[in-house]
Amino acid sequence: MGDCFKFTAKNGRIDYLVTNKENPTREYVKSIMNARWSVEVYHREVKKIVVLNAARLARVGRKEMRVFIILCQGILYFDYTI
């Protein structure tokens, strides 16, 4: 039905990979696991970038809102003094 491979990481974590490919070699399965791990690392880095940019944009948004409020207060004050 499928072959199951057990891999032990350097930190002691054990991963299992099951494949339905006929007669897979351990090297083939290891290359699949390495590719999968590369995708995980890529997504983690993208997530960091997105979160950092979202935080930066939120700060910019607050600054722009403060400037807008100050400008509105100035316009309202100007209108009442005329």
C-alpha atoms as a PDB file:
ATOM      1  CA  MET A   1       0.000   0.000   0.000  1.00  0.00           C
ATOM      2  CA  GLY A   2       2.663   2.539   0.982  1.00  0.00           C
ATOM      3  CA  ASP A   3       6.137   2.695   2.413  1.00  0.00           C
ATOM      4  CA  CYS A   4       6.840   4.407   5.723  1.00  0.00           C
ATOM      5  CA  PHE A   5      10.180   6.031   6.461  1.00  0.00           C
ATOM      6  CA  LYS A   6      11.395   7.195   9.856  1.00  0.00           C
ATOM      7  CA  PHE A   7      13.782  10.142  10.135  1.00  0.00           C
ATOM      8  CA  THR A   8      15.407  11.402  13.309  1.00  0.00           C
ATOM      9  CA  ALA A   9      16.471  15.037  13.365  1.00  0.00           C
ATOM     10  CA  LYS A  10      19.632  16.282  15.079  1.00  0.00           C
ATOM     11  CA  ASN A  11      17.530  17.664  17.938  1.00  0.00           C
ATOM     12  CA  GLY A  12      15.946  14.239  18.500  1.00  0.00           C
ATOM     13  CA  ARG A  13      12.608  14.963  16.851  1.00  0.00           C
ATOM     14  CA  ILE A  14      11.258  11.988  14.925  1.00  0.00           C
ATOM     15  CA  ASP A  15       9.428  12.493  11.641  1.00  0.00           C
ATOM     16  CA  TYR A  16       7.636   9.857   9.609  1.00  0.00           C
ATOM     17  CA  LEU A  17       6.933  10.081   5.922  1.00  0.00           C
ATOM     18  CA  VAL A  18       4.571   7.750   4.117  1.00  0.00           C
ATOM     19  CA  THR A  19       4.570   7.554   0.343  1.00  0.00           C
ATOM     20  CA  ASN A  20       2.581   5.598  -2.208  1.00  0.00           C
ATOM     21  CA  LYS A  21       5.400   5.759  -4.774  1.00  0.00           C
ATOM     22  CA  GLU A  22       6.514   2.308  -5.781  1.00  0.00           C
ATOM     23  CA  ASN A  23       9.943   1.273  -4.498  1.00  0.00           C
ATOM     24  CA  PRO A  24      11.139   4.663  -3.285  1.00  0.00           C
ATOM     25  CA  THR A  25      14.730   4.950  -2.155  1.00  0.00           C
ATOM     26  CA  ARG A  26      15.607   6.527   1.153  1.00  0.00           C
ATOM     27  CA  GLU A  27      17.518   9.252  -0.721  1.00  0.00           C
ATOM     28  CA  TYR A  28      14.406  10.085  -2.763  1.00  0.00           C
ATOM     29  CA  VAL A  29      12.263  10.338   0.367  1.00  0.00           C
ATOM     30  CA  LYS A  30      14.931  12.447   2.090  1.00  0.00           C
ATOM     31  CA  SER A  31      14.963  14.854  -0.876  1.00  0.00           C
ATOM     32  CA  ILE A  32      11.177  15.184  -0.571  1.00  0.00           C
ATOM     33  CA  MET A  33      11.485  15.930   3.151  1.00  0.00           C
ATOM     34  CA  ASN A  34      14.199  18.515   2.491  1.00  0.00           C
ATOM     35  CA  ALA A  35      12.025  20.203  -0.135  1.00  0.00           C
ATOM     36  CA  ARG A  36       9.088  20.243   2.260  1.00  0.00           C
ATOM     37  CA  TRP A  37      11.256  21.761   4.984  1.00  0.00           C
ATOM     38  CA  SER A  38      12.483  24.453   2.570  1.00  0.00           C
ATOM     39  CA  VAL A  39       8.862  25.435   1.936  1.00  0.00           C
ATOM     40  CA  GLU A  40       8.219  25.620   5.691  1.00  0.00           C
ATOM     41  CA  VAL A  41      11.232  27.905   6.192  1.00  0.00           C
ATOM     42  CA  TYR A  42      10.145  30.076   3.248  1.00  0.00           C
ATOM     43  CA  HIS A  43       6.631  30.505   4.662  1.00  0.00           C
ATOM     44  CA  ARG A  44       8.019  31.336   8.104  1.00  0.00           C
ATOM     45  CA  GLU A  45      10.209  34.085   6.601  1.00  0.00           C
ATOM     46  CA  VAL A  46       7.325  35.472   4.524  1.00  0.00           C
ATOM     47  CA  LYS A  47       5.135  35.554   7.626  1.00  0.00           C
ATOM     48  CA  LYS A  48       7.811  37.520   9.517  1.00  0.00           C
ATOM     49  CA  ILE A  49       8.026  40.065   6.700  1.00  0.00           C
ATOM     50  CA  VAL A  50       4.243  40.439   6.488  1.00  0.00           C
ATOM     51  CA  VAL A  51       3.882  40.907  10.254  1.00  0.00           C
ATOM     52  CA  LEU A  52       6.708  43.469  10.356  1.00  0.00           C
ATOM     53  CA  ASN A  53       5.228  45.408   7.446  1.00  0.00           C
ATOM     54  CA  ALA A  54       1.763  45.320   9.000  1.00  0.00           C
ATOM     55  CA  ALA A  55       3.176  46.726  12.246  1.00  0.00           C
ATOM     56  CA  ARG A  56       5.033  49.426  10.338  1.00  0.00           C
ATOM     57  CA  LEU A  57       1.918  50.361   8.374  1.00  0.00           C
ATOM     58  CA  ALA A  58      -0.117  50.521  11.572  1.00  0.00           C
ATOM     59  CA  ARG A  59       2.388  53.002  13.036  1.00  0.00           C
ATOM     60  CA  VAL A  60       2.277  55.100   9.854  1.00  0.00           C
ATOM     61  CA  GLY A  61      -1.510  55.023   9.970  1.00  0.00           C
ATOM     62  CA  ARG A  62      -1.555  56.345  13.538  1.00  0.00           C
ATOM     63  CA  LYS A  63       0.862  59.150  12.646  1.00  0.00           C
ATOM     64  CA  GLU A  64      -1.224  60.141   9.650  1.00  0.00           C
ATOM     65  CA  MET A  65      -4.369  60.120  11.796  1.00  0.00           C
ATOM     66  CA  ARG A  66      -2.706  62.433  14.353  1.00  0.00           C
ATOM     67  CA  VAL A  67      -1.678  64.849  11.602  1.00  0.00           C
ATOM     68  CA  PHE A  68      -5.215  64.768  10.201  1.00  0.00           C
ATOM     69  CA  ILE A  69      -6.721  65.481  13.628  1.00  0.00           C
ATOM     70  CA  ILE A  70      -4.299  68.351  14.228  1.00  0.00           C
ATOM     71  CA  LEU A  71      -5.141  69.813  10.827  1.00  0.00           C
ATOM     72  CA  CYS A  72      -8.876  69.491  11.503  1.00  0.00           C
ATOM     73  CA  GLN A  73      -8.476  71.167  14.893  1.00  0.00           C
ATOM     74  CA  GLY A  74      -6.568  73.991  13.231  1.00  0.00           C
ATOM     75  CA  ILE A  75      -9.254  74.434  10.571  1.00  0.00           C
ATOM     76  CA  LEU A  76     -12.036  74.392  13.171  1.00  0.00           C
ATOM     77  CA  TYR A  77     -10.163  76.914  15.329  1.00  0.00           C
ATOM     78  CA  PHE A  78      -9.590  79.115  12.284  1.00  0.00           C
ATOM     79  CA  ASP A  79     -13.288  78.942  11.342  1.00  0.00           C
ATOM     80  CA  TYR A  80     -14.399  80.028  14.838  1.00  0.00           C
ATOM     81  CA  THR A  81     -11.995  82.934  15.018  1.00  0.00           C
ATOM     82  CA  ILE A  82     -13.215  84.601  11.822  1.00  0.00           C
END
